[in-house]
């Protein structure tokens, strides 16, 4: 048995006016993967303006790097590098080595190199 039913514009309009409840952006929230959410948070952090820390003398920088290396504690390095009018986020890690021009930091499972000449400030907390 085949029923031939045609919608009228009034019926459709009544449905959208009184029966259908659009949840707006809520329905799209479920489509974001955790990776997307993390990436969005990372972008939001990167967009915040980073305040300059006081520029330290090379002797003070060397002293703090040596202390961090001896104690194997986390250090926060602000570099002199400015991008888009703001400083880069602090490089946070444990000093695992050095040479005359570079500091090697262990960050998670990887190692990052920071040029000594690019260091503006070294601190033990953010």
C-alpha atoms as a PDB file:
ATOM      1  CA  UNK A   1       0.000   0.000   0.000  1.00  0.00           C
ATOM      2  CA  UNK A   2       1.447   3.307  -1.007  1.00  0.00           C
ATOM      3  CA  UNK A   3       0.522   6.545   0.699  1.00  0.00           C
ATOM      4  CA  UNK A   4       1.032   9.702  -1.257  1.00  0.00           C
ATOM      5  CA  UNK A   5       1.463  12.412   1.372  1.00  0.00           C
ATOM      6  CA  UNK A   6       2.572  15.915   0.493  1.00  0.00           C
ATOM      7  CA  UNK A   7       3.840  18.432   3.027  1.00  0.00           C
ATOM      8  CA  UNK A   8       2.410  21.868   2.977  1.00  0.00           C
ATOM      9  CA  UNK A   9       4.524  24.886   3.792  1.00  0.00           C
ATOM     10  CA  UNK A  10       2.312  25.600   6.810  1.00  0.00           C
ATOM     11  CA  UNK A  11       2.916  22.140   8.296  1.00  0.00           C
ATOM     12  CA  UNK A  12       6.664  22.412   7.773  1.00  0.00           C
ATOM     13  CA  UNK A  13       6.799  25.932   9.228  1.00  0.00           C
ATOM     14  CA  UNK A  14       4.729  24.820  12.262  1.00  0.00           C
ATOM     15  CA  UNK A  15       7.170  21.939  12.835  1.00  0.00           C
ATOM     16  CA  UNK A  16      10.212  24.250  12.841  1.00  0.00           C
ATOM     17  CA  UNK A  17       8.479  26.928  14.922  1.00  0.00           C
ATOM     18  CA  UNK A  18       7.059  24.714  17.689  1.00  0.00           C
ATOM     19  CA  UNK A  19       8.351  21.134  17.571  1.00  0.00           C
ATOM     20  CA  UNK A  20      11.974  21.214  16.375  1.00  0.00           C
ATOM     21  CA  UNK A  21      14.530  22.417  18.945  1.00  0.00           C
ATOM     22  CA  UNK A  22      17.864  23.287  17.350  1.00  0.00           C
ATOM     23  CA  UNK A  23      20.718  22.673  19.764  1.00  0.00           C
ATOM     24  CA  UNK A  24      22.974  25.043  17.840  1.00  0.00           C
ATOM     25  CA  UNK A  25      26.680  24.370  18.274  1.00  0.00           C
ATOM     26  CA  UNK A  26      26.099  21.753  20.980  1.00  0.00           C
ATOM     27  CA  UNK A  27      25.456  19.091  18.374  1.00  0.00           C
ATOM     28  CA  UNK A  28      28.833  19.775  16.753  1.00  0.00           C
ATOM     29  CA  UNK A  29      30.827  19.451  19.986  1.00  0.00           C
ATOM     30  CA  UNK A  30      30.723  15.672  19.769  1.00  0.00           C
ATOM     31  CA  UNK A  31      32.549  15.722  16.452  1.00  0.00           C
ATOM     32  CA  UNK A  32      35.753  17.173  17.910  1.00  0.00           C
ATOM     33  CA  UNK A  33      38.388  14.585  18.664  1.00  0.00           C
ATOM     34  CA  UNK A  34      40.610  14.963  21.694  1.00  0.00           C
ATOM     35  CA  UNK A  35      43.526  15.728  19.351  1.00  0.00           C
ATOM     36  CA  UNK A  36      41.596  18.630  17.886  1.00  0.00           C
ATOM     37  CA  UNK A  37      40.736  19.951  21.326  1.00  0.00           C
ATOM     38  CA  UNK A  38      44.379  19.767  22.431  1.00  0.00           C
ATOM     39  CA  UNK A  39      45.498  21.534  19.267  1.00  0.00           C
ATOM     40  CA  UNK A  40      42.941  24.298  19.813  1.00  0.00           C
ATOM     41  CA  UNK A  41      44.118  24.769  23.412  1.00  0.00           C
ATOM     42  CA  UNK A  42      47.735  24.867  22.240  1.00  0.00           C
ATOM     43  CA  UNK A  43      46.868  27.527  19.663  1.00  0.00           C
ATOM     44  CA  UNK A  44      45.029  29.589  22.258  1.00  0.00           C
ATOM     45  CA  UNK A  45      48.076  29.445  24.561  1.00  0.00           C
ATOM     46  CA  UNK A  46      50.376  30.396  21.717  1.00  0.00           C
ATOM     47  CA  UNK A  47      48.224  33.407  20.866  1.00  0.00           C
ATOM     48  CA  UNK A  48      48.448  34.859  24.363  1.00  0.00           C
ATOM     49  CA  UNK A  49      51.013  37.595  24.661  1.00  0.00           C
ATOM     50  CA  UNK A  50      54.021  36.475  26.665  1.00  0.00           C
ATOM     51  CA  UNK A  51      55.414  39.050  29.063  1.00  0.00           C
ATOM     52  CA  UNK A  52      59.169  39.656  28.933  1.00  0.00           C
ATOM     53  CA  UNK A  53      61.113  38.537  31.970  1.00  0.00           C
ATOM     54  CA  UNK A  54      64.035  40.659  33.173  1.00  0.00           C
ATOM     55  CA  UNK A  55      67.080  40.217  30.962  1.00  0.00           C
ATOM     56  CA  UNK A  56      69.873  38.552  32.922  1.00  0.00           C
ATOM     57  CA  UNK A  57      73.612  39.019  32.612  1.00  0.00           C
ATOM     58  CA  UNK A  58      75.565  36.138  31.032  1.00  0.00           C
ATOM     59  CA  UNK A  59      77.186  35.287  34.387  1.00  0.00           C
ATOM     60  CA  UNK A  60      73.790  34.944  36.084  1.00  0.00           C
ATOM     61  CA  UNK A  61      72.474  32.811  33.196  1.00  0.00           C
ATOM     62  CA  UNK A  62      75.540  30.544  33.418  1.00  0.00           C
ATOM     63  CA  UNK A  63      75.157  30.228  37.198  1.00  0.00           C
ATOM     64  CA  UNK A  64      71.488  29.242  36.947  1.00  0.00           C
ATOM     65  CA  UNK A  65      72.138  26.783  34.130  1.00  0.00           C
ATOM     66  CA  UNK A  66      74.908  25.165  36.173  1.00  0.00           C
ATOM     67  CA  UNK A  67      72.628  24.939  39.223  1.00  0.00           C
ATOM     68  CA  UNK A  68      69.887  23.343  37.103  1.00  0.00           C
ATOM     69  CA  UNK A  69      72.369  20.900  35.622  1.00  0.00           C
ATOM     70  CA  UNK A  70      73.793  19.891  39.039  1.00  0.00           C
ATOM     71  CA  UNK A  71      70.369  19.478  40.677  1.00  0.00           C
ATOM     72  CA  UNK A  72      68.702  17.983  37.561  1.00  0.00           C
ATOM     73  CA  UNK A  73      65.626  20.139  38.120  1.00  0.00           C
ATOM     74  CA  UNK A  74      63.237  21.756  35.655  1.00  0.00           C
ATOM     75  CA  UNK A  75      64.346  25.108  34.317  1.00  0.00           C
ATOM     76  CA  UNK A  76      62.403  27.695  32.329  1.00  0.00           C
ATOM     77  CA  UNK A  77      64.333  29.469  29.591  1.00  0.00           C
ATOM     78  CA  UNK A  78      62.979  32.584  27.933  1.00  0.00           C
ATOM     79  CA  UNK A  79      64.730  33.225  24.654  1.00  0.00           C
ATOM     80  CA  UNK A  80      65.474  36.618  23.128  1.00  0.00           C
ATOM     81  CA  UNK A  81      63.572  35.596  20.007  1.00  0.00           C
ATOM     82  CA  UNK A  82      60.491  37.701  19.232  1.00  0.00           C
ATOM     83  CA  UNK A  83      57.842  36.525  16.762  1.00  0.00           C
ATOM     84  CA  UNK A  84      54.812  38.583  15.763  1.00  0.00           C
ATOM     85  CA  UNK A  85      55.636  41.153  18.438  1.00  0.00           C
ATOM     86  CA  UNK A  86      55.790  38.726  21.372  1.00  0.00           C
ATOM     87  CA  UNK A  87      58.362  36.413  22.930  1.00  0.00           C
ATOM     88  CA  UNK A  88      58.239  32.705  22.289  1.00  0.00           C
ATOM     89  CA  UNK A  89      56.900  30.495  25.097  1.00  0.00           C
ATOM     90  CA  UNK A  90      59.478  29.387  27.662  1.00  0.00           C
ATOM     91  CA  UNK A  91      61.460  26.278  26.856  1.00  0.00           C
ATOM     92  CA  UNK A  92      60.964  23.991  29.855  1.00  0.00           C
ATOM     93  CA  UNK A  93      63.215  21.037  30.505  1.00  0.00           C
ATOM     94  CA  UNK A  94      66.115  19.487  32.399  1.00  0.00           C
ATOM     95  CA  UNK A  95      69.688  20.331  31.395  1.00  0.00           C
ATOM     96  CA  UNK A  96      71.341  17.152  30.144  1.00  0.00           C
ATOM     97  CA  UNK A  97      74.411  18.639  28.522  1.00  0.00           C
ATOM     98  CA  UNK A  98      76.139  21.675  27.082  1.00  0.00           C
ATOM     99  CA  UNK A  99      78.961  22.867  24.888  1.00  0.00           C
ATOM    100  CA  UNK A 100      80.474  26.312  24.401  1.00  0.00           C
ATOM    101  CA  UNK A 101      77.530  27.551  22.291  1.00  0.00           C
ATOM    102  CA  UNK A 102      74.499  25.393  23.206  1.00  0.00           C
ATOM    103  CA  UNK A 103      72.490  23.978  26.080  1.00  0.00           C
ATOM    104  CA  UNK A 104      70.794  20.593  25.651  1.00  0.00           C
ATOM    105  CA  UNK A 105      67.474  20.139  27.444  1.00  0.00           C
ATOM    106  CA  UNK A 106      65.522  16.930  27.926  1.00  0.00           C
ATOM    107  CA  UNK A 107      61.879  17.676  27.227  1.00  0.00           C
ATOM    108  CA  UNK A 108      59.744  14.583  27.633  1.00  0.00           C
ATOM    109  CA  UNK A 109      61.313  11.876  25.482  1.00  0.00           C
ATOM    110  CA  UNK A 110      63.205  14.285  23.203  1.00  0.00           C
ATOM    111  CA  UNK A 111      66.190  16.599  23.495  1.00  0.00           C
ATOM    112  CA  UNK A 112      66.098  20.231  22.426  1.00  0.00           C
ATOM    113  CA  UNK A 113      69.064  22.498  21.759  1.00  0.00           C
ATOM    114  CA  UNK A 114      68.998  26.147  22.849  1.00  0.00           C
ATOM    115  CA  UNK A 115      71.748  28.545  21.767  1.00  0.00           C
ATOM    116  CA  UNK A 116      73.339  30.247  24.787  1.00  0.00           C
ATOM    117  CA  UNK A 117      73.390  33.584  22.935  1.00  0.00           C
ATOM    118  CA  UNK A 118      69.578  33.411  22.538  1.00  0.00           C
ATOM    119  CA  UNK A 119      68.869  33.050  26.274  1.00  0.00           C
ATOM    120  CA  UNK A 120      67.238  36.081  27.913  1.00  0.00           C
ATOM    121  CA  UNK A 121      66.245  34.621  31.284  1.00  0.00           C
ATOM    122  CA  UNK A 122      66.633  31.370  33.217  1.00  0.00           C
ATOM    123  CA  UNK A 123      64.310  30.626  36.128  1.00  0.00           C
ATOM    124  CA  UNK A 124      63.269  27.647  38.205  1.00  0.00           C
ATOM    125  CA  UNK A 125      59.536  28.429  38.078  1.00  0.00           C
ATOM    126  CA  UNK A 126      57.334  30.023  35.437  1.00  0.00           C
END
